[in-house]
Structures are given as C-alpha cells and as structure tokens.
Amino acid sequence: MDTPRVSIQTQDFDLSTEVAHLRANQPGVGAVCSFVGTVRDRNEGSAVQTMELEHYPGMTEKAIEAMVAEAHRRFDILGACVIHRVGVLQPLDQIVMVAVASAHRGQSYLACEFLMDYLKSHAPFWKKEQTPEGARWVDARVSDDAAAARWGLPGQVDEQPCAPNA
C-alpha cells in the first residue's frame, strides 16, 4: 500500500519507513529532504505537560493536500509526504513530518521549508498546551507568519475559524 501524501493520525510514525515509501517506484530521485518536529517541553517560559491538537477531519487533509499540490507547482519535486499527529501528545513526542523527494537537493529543501512554513502558520490545527499555570491555546508566532509571507502566503489573521471549544 502506498503512503498517502497527507496523513492526519494519532499514532506515531517512523521517518525511515516513510522515506522508503516516498522513494519506492520513483525513478529519478536523487535527494530526499525531511523535517520532523517534536512537542516542546517549554513554551513562553512555562513547562509544557501535554499538547493537545484538534482538527476538522476532511477539511484539514484537503487544505494540506492543496499546499502539497502548490509545492509541486512551485518546485521541481517528484513526491511529498506530510504526516501530522493529533490528540494528546507528550513533550518530545514526534508531532509532524514532511519529506520531499526531488532529483536534486535544492528543490527538496525549498519545498520542505515551504510546506513547514505553511503548516506552522496556516494549516487548520488548533493546539492547546497544558502547563502548571493551566491550559492555553497556542497561536502562530510572528516569526511563523513572517516565514509564510516570504512565500507569498497571506497572514493568518482572520483566515481560520475560531478554535474549537474556545
């Protein structure tokens, strides 16, 4: 079974397995760039006890698929895979993976960075941290919005529906 280009899941993932699936039956692959993000154990000066991620099934996948298609349009890539976890995660748990295959490393680097900048600033996920001070929703950082803006992605303000159960 082929790995889907976009997977929103509760279970963990294995980078080497996902890269092998991405490379399988792909003639011309000379480079694979990947990024794996983990849940931070500290944020805004507080210890993070857990991170809970929510999404709207169907809508989230469709939005990320559109960005993967945009990456294919902008960059000379052969394939891409995005995995994002949801549910309650612990500090240092893997939370996101982006892997991009291309003939040469430069295009896969750029496409990987483009997709991560999108995910950090625009993807329809809602993150809630549990800290010793209580629960709080996590917003995109100004630096995340600035990184997305360099790709011509509009600012996040008023683009996503309100966080669920806010």
C-alpha atoms as a PDB file:
ATOM      1  CA  MET A   1       0.000   0.000   0.000  1.00  0.00           C
ATOM      2  CA  ASP A   2       1.329   3.434  -0.901  1.00  0.00           C
ATOM      3  CA  THR A   3       1.821   6.022   1.803  1.00  0.00           C
ATOM      4  CA  PRO A   4      -0.755   8.785   1.368  1.00  0.00           C
ATOM      5  CA  ARG A   5       0.657  12.212   0.573  1.00  0.00           C
ATOM      6  CA  VAL A   6      -1.141  13.594   3.613  1.00  0.00           C
ATOM      7  CA  SER A   7      -1.961  11.683   6.784  1.00  0.00           C
ATOM      8  CA  ILE A   8      -3.538  13.097   9.939  1.00  0.00           C
ATOM      9  CA  GLN A   9      -3.195  10.451  12.626  1.00  0.00           C
ATOM     10  CA  THR A  10      -2.935   9.754  16.336  1.00  0.00           C
ATOM     11  CA  GLN A  11      -0.250   7.070  16.039  1.00  0.00           C
ATOM     12  CA  ASP A  12       3.474   7.784  15.845  1.00  0.00           C
ATOM     13  CA  PHE A  13       5.429   7.425  12.600  1.00  0.00           C
ATOM     14  CA  ASP A  14       8.842   6.155  11.550  1.00  0.00           C
ATOM     15  CA  LEU A  15      10.843   8.535   9.351  1.00  0.00           C
ATOM     16  CA  SER A  16      12.915   5.837   7.618  1.00  0.00           C
ATOM     17  CA  THR A  17       9.789   3.852   6.722  1.00  0.00           C
ATOM     18  CA  GLU A  18       8.062   6.942   5.329  1.00  0.00           C
ATOM     19  CA  VAL A  19      11.103   7.971   3.279  1.00  0.00           C
ATOM     20  CA  ALA A  20      11.382   4.441   1.871  1.00  0.00           C
ATOM     21  CA  HIS A  21       7.714   4.611   0.796  1.00  0.00           C
ATOM     22  CA  LEU A  22       8.281   8.037  -0.759  1.00  0.00           C
ATOM     23  CA  ARG A  23      11.273   6.777  -2.766  1.00  0.00           C
ATOM     24  CA  ALA A  24       9.686   3.496  -3.858  1.00  0.00           C
ATOM     25  CA  ASN A  25       8.973   3.309  -7.590  1.00  0.00           C
ATOM     26  CA  GLN A  26      10.160   6.896  -8.091  1.00  0.00           C
ATOM     27  CA  PRO A  27      12.740   6.966 -10.867  1.00  0.00           C
ATOM     28  CA  GLY A  28      14.992   9.992 -10.807  1.00  0.00           C
ATOM     29  CA  VAL A  29      15.068  10.560  -7.055  1.00  0.00           C
ATOM     30  CA  GLY A  30      18.475  11.944  -6.160  1.00  0.00           C
ATOM     31  CA  ALA A  31      17.552  13.671  -2.917  1.00  0.00           C
ATOM     32  CA  VAL A  32      15.053  13.477  -0.083  1.00  0.00           C
ATOM     33  CA  CYS A  33      14.777  16.330   2.382  1.00  0.00           C
ATOM     34  CA  SER A  34      12.860  15.696   5.579  1.00  0.00           C
ATOM     35  CA  PHE A  35      11.825  17.534   8.700  1.00  0.00           C
ATOM     36  CA  VAL A  36      10.499  16.009  11.916  1.00  0.00           C
ATOM     37  CA  GLY A  37       9.103  18.284  14.598  1.00  0.00           C
ATOM     38  CA  THR A  38       8.604  17.327  18.231  1.00  0.00           C
ATOM     39  CA  VAL A  39       6.481  18.700  21.052  1.00  0.00           C
ATOM     40  CA  ARG A  40       8.483  21.240  23.038  1.00  0.00           C
ATOM     41  CA  ASP A  41       8.855  20.717  26.766  1.00  0.00           C
ATOM     42  CA  ARG A  42       8.835  24.503  27.370  1.00  0.00           C
ATOM     43  CA  ASN A  43       6.985  27.346  25.693  1.00  0.00           C
ATOM     44  CA  GLU A  44       6.678  31.009  26.602  1.00  0.00           C
ATOM     45  CA  GLY A  45       8.610  30.413  29.820  1.00  0.00           C
ATOM     46  CA  SER A  46       6.420  27.584  31.133  1.00  0.00           C
ATOM     47  CA  ALA A  47       6.843  23.844  31.282  1.00  0.00           C
ATOM     48  CA  VAL A  48       4.580  22.041  28.838  1.00  0.00           C
ATOM     49  CA  GLN A  49       2.927  18.991  30.373  1.00  0.00           C
ATOM     50  CA  THR A  50       0.936  17.956  27.296  1.00  0.00           C
ATOM     51  CA  MET A  51      -0.032  19.325  23.899  1.00  0.00           C
ATOM     52  CA  GLU A  52      -3.476  18.560  22.516  1.00  0.00           C
ATOM     53  CA  LEU A  53      -4.085  19.014  18.800  1.00  0.00           C
ATOM     54  CA  GLU A  54      -7.542  19.266  17.277  1.00  0.00           C
ATOM     55  CA  HIS A  55      -8.598  19.456  13.646  1.00  0.00           C
ATOM     56  CA  TYR A  56     -11.641  19.149  11.413  1.00  0.00           C
ATOM     57  CA  PRO A  57     -11.350  15.797   9.627  1.00  0.00           C
ATOM     58  CA  GLY A  58     -11.606  16.191   5.895  1.00  0.00           C
ATOM     59  CA  MET A  59     -11.040  19.948   5.921  1.00  0.00           C
ATOM     60  CA  THR A  60      -7.524  19.651   7.311  1.00  0.00           C
ATOM     61  CA  GLU A  61      -6.434  16.995   4.833  1.00  0.00           C
ATOM     62  CA  LYS A  62      -7.919  18.960   1.918  1.00  0.00           C
ATOM     63  CA  ALA A  63      -6.092  22.155   2.941  1.00  0.00           C
ATOM     64  CA  ILE A  64      -2.740  20.377   3.302  1.00  0.00           C
ATOM     65  CA  GLU A  65      -3.255  18.461   0.030  1.00  0.00           C
ATOM     66  CA  ALA A  66      -3.745  21.838  -1.678  1.00  0.00           C
ATOM     67  CA  MET A  67      -0.402  23.029  -0.294  1.00  0.00           C
ATOM     68  CA  VAL A  68       1.335  19.824  -1.406  1.00  0.00           C
ATOM     69  CA  ALA A  69      -0.098  20.452  -4.888  1.00  0.00           C
ATOM     70  CA  GLU A  70       1.183  24.042  -4.674  1.00  0.00           C
ATOM     71  CA  ALA A  71       4.642  22.733  -3.721  1.00  0.00           C
ATOM     72  CA  HIS A  72       4.561  20.529  -6.829  1.00  0.00           C
ATOM     73  CA  ARG A  73       3.644  23.593  -8.905  1.00  0.00           C
ATOM     74  CA  ARG A  74       6.359  25.834  -7.406  1.00  0.00           C
ATOM     75  CA  PHE A  75       9.233  23.383  -7.161  1.00  0.00           C
ATOM     76  CA  ASP A  76      10.689  20.628  -9.315  1.00  0.00           C
ATOM     77  CA  ILE A  77       9.832  17.780  -6.945  1.00  0.00           C
ATOM     78  CA  LEU A  78       8.922  14.166  -7.533  1.00  0.00           C
ATOM     79  CA  GLY A  79       6.887  13.492  -4.406  1.00  0.00           C
ATOM     80  CA  ALA A  80       5.986  14.727  -0.945  1.00  0.00           C
ATOM     81  CA  CYS A  81       4.584  13.245   2.226  1.00  0.00           C
ATOM     82  CA  VAL A  82       3.106  15.136   5.175  1.00  0.00           C
ATOM     83  CA  ILE A  83       2.172  13.397   8.417  1.00  0.00           C
ATOM     84  CA  HIS A  84       0.701  15.399  11.298  1.00  0.00           C
ATOM     85  CA  ARG A  85      -0.384  13.897  14.572  1.00  0.00           C
ATOM     86  CA  VAL A  86      -3.469  14.888  16.547  1.00  0.00           C
ATOM     87  CA  GLY A  87      -4.732  14.059  20.014  1.00  0.00           C
ATOM     88  CA  VAL A  88      -2.877  14.404  23.285  1.00  0.00           C
ATOM     89  CA  LEU A  89       0.910  14.308  22.953  1.00  0.00           C
ATOM     90  CA  GLN A  90       3.718  14.412  25.498  1.00  0.00           C
ATOM     91  CA  PRO A  91       6.808  16.630  25.382  1.00  0.00           C
ATOM     92  CA  LEU A  92       9.390  15.297  22.912  1.00  0.00           C
ATOM     93  CA  ASP A  93       6.778  13.178  21.062  1.00  0.00           C
ATOM     94  CA  GLN A  94       7.005  13.454  17.289  1.00  0.00           C
ATOM     95  CA  ILE A  95       4.265  15.759  16.044  1.00  0.00           C
ATOM     96  CA  VAL A  96       4.914  16.402  12.338  1.00  0.00           C
ATOM     97  CA  MET A  97       6.907  15.043   9.423  1.00  0.00           C
ATOM     98  CA  VAL A  98       7.455  16.500   5.981  1.00  0.00           C
ATOM     99  CA  ALA A  99       9.516  14.605   3.417  1.00  0.00           C
ATOM    100  CA  VAL A 100      10.111  15.749  -0.145  1.00  0.00           C
ATOM    101  CA  ALA A 101      11.802  13.844  -2.977  1.00  0.00           C
ATOM    102  CA  SER A 102      13.443  15.510  -5.967  1.00  0.00           C
ATOM    103  CA  ALA A 103      16.195  14.935  -8.484  1.00  0.00           C
ATOM    104  CA  HIS A 104      18.447  17.445  -6.709  1.00  0.00           C
ATOM    105  CA  ARG A 105      18.624  18.573  -3.073  1.00  0.00           C
ATOM    106  CA  GLY A 106      17.930  22.276  -3.625  1.00  0.00           C
ATOM    107  CA  GLN A 107      14.361  21.765  -4.799  1.00  0.00           C
ATOM    108  CA  SER A 108      13.548  19.326  -1.999  1.00  0.00           C
ATOM    109  CA  TYR A 109      15.000  21.708   0.624  1.00  0.00           C
ATOM    110  CA  LEU A 110      12.883  24.577  -0.671  1.00  0.00           C
ATOM    111  CA  ALA A 111       9.697  22.536  -0.937  1.00  0.00           C
ATOM    112  CA  CYS A 112      10.186  21.069   2.551  1.00  0.00           C
ATOM    113  CA  GLU A 113      10.666  24.538   4.030  1.00  0.00           C
ATOM    114  CA  PHE A 114       7.661  25.878   2.101  1.00  0.00           C
ATOM    115  CA  LEU A 115       5.419  23.095   3.435  1.00  0.00           C
ATOM    116  CA  MET A 116       6.630  23.510   7.029  1.00  0.00           C
ATOM    117  CA  ASP A 117       6.112  27.287   6.886  1.00  0.00           C
ATOM    118  CA  TYR A 118       2.550  26.632   5.687  1.00  0.00           C
ATOM    119  CA  LEU A 119       1.910  24.053   8.414  1.00  0.00           C
ATOM    120  CA  LYS A 120       3.200  26.346  11.177  1.00  0.00           C
ATOM    121  CA  SER A 121       1.137  29.351  10.121  1.00  0.00           C
ATOM    122  CA  HIS A 122      -1.909  28.292   8.085  1.00  0.00           C
ATOM    123  CA  ALA A 123      -2.825  24.623   8.499  1.00  0.00           C
ATOM    124  CA  PRO A 124      -6.172  24.197  10.255  1.00  0.00           C
ATOM    125  CA  PHE A 125      -4.970  22.709  13.535  1.00  0.00           C
ATOM    126  CA  TRP A 126      -5.693  24.007  16.997  1.00  0.00           C
ATOM    127  CA  LYS A 127      -3.100  23.402  19.682  1.00  0.00           C
ATOM    128  CA  LYS A 128      -3.746  23.563  23.398  1.00  0.00           C
ATOM    129  CA  GLU A 129      -0.935  23.267  25.929  1.00  0.00           C
ATOM    130  CA  GLN A 130      -1.363  22.107  29.485  1.00  0.00           C
ATOM    131  CA  THR A 131       1.072  23.946  31.764  1.00  0.00           C
ATOM    132  CA  PRO A 132       1.395  24.277  35.536  1.00  0.00           C
ATOM    133  CA  GLU A 133      -0.480  27.592  35.135  1.00  0.00           C
ATOM    134  CA  GLY A 134      -3.367  25.901  33.293  1.00  0.00           C
ATOM    135  CA  ALA A 135      -4.458  25.286  29.713  1.00  0.00           C
ATOM    136  CA  ARG A 136      -3.802  27.767  26.907  1.00  0.00           C
ATOM    137  CA  TRP A 137      -4.341  27.849  23.154  1.00  0.00           C
ATOM    138  CA  VAL A 138      -1.180  28.246  21.084  1.00  0.00           C
ATOM    139  CA  ASP A 139      -1.151  30.822  18.281  1.00  0.00           C
ATOM    140  CA  ALA A 140       1.257  31.039  15.375  1.00  0.00           C
ATOM    141  CA  ARG A 141       4.318  33.093  16.221  1.00  0.00           C
ATOM    142  CA  VAL A 142       5.071  36.348  14.410  1.00  0.00           C
ATOM    143  CA  SER A 143       8.177  34.627  13.013  1.00  0.00           C
ATOM    144  CA  ASP A 144       5.979  31.820  11.594  1.00  0.00           C
ATOM    145  CA  ASP A 145       3.760  34.346   9.825  1.00  0.00           C
ATOM    146  CA  ALA A 146       6.841  36.176   8.505  1.00  0.00           C
ATOM    147  CA  ALA A 147       8.263  32.911   7.158  1.00  0.00           C
ATOM    148  CA  ALA A 148       4.964  32.159   5.397  1.00  0.00           C
ATOM    149  CA  ALA A 149       4.812  35.675   3.975  1.00  0.00           C
ATOM    150  CA  ARG A 150       8.115  35.230   2.142  1.00  0.00           C
ATOM    151  CA  TRP A 151       6.399  32.526   0.059  1.00  0.00           C
ATOM    152  CA  GLY A 152       3.519  34.878  -0.724  1.00  0.00           C
ATOM    153  CA  LEU A 153       1.160  33.149   1.704  1.00  0.00           C
ATOM    154  CA  PRO A 154      -1.180  35.703   3.278  1.00  0.00           C
ATOM    155  CA  GLY A 155      -1.086  36.453   7.011  1.00  0.00           C
ATOM    156  CA  GLN A 156      -3.001  34.182   9.334  1.00  0.00           C
ATOM    157  CA  VAL A 157      -5.237  36.838  10.899  1.00  0.00           C
ATOM    158  CA  ASP A 158      -8.921  36.031  10.343  1.00  0.00           C
ATOM    159  CA  GLU A 159      -8.147  33.172   7.968  1.00  0.00           C
ATOM    160  CA  GLN A 160      -9.061  30.247  10.189  1.00  0.00           C
ATOM    161  CA  PRO A 161     -12.248  29.579  12.101  1.00  0.00           C
ATOM    162  CA  CYS A 162     -12.105  30.077  15.840  1.00  0.00           C
ATOM    163  CA  ALA A 163     -10.513  27.327  17.872  1.00  0.00           C
ATOM    164  CA  PRO A 164     -12.964  24.554  18.784  1.00  0.00           C
ATOM    165  CA  ASN A 165     -14.394  24.724  22.276  1.00  0.00           C
ATOM    166  CA  ALA A 166     -12.736  28.113  22.826  1.00  0.00           C
END
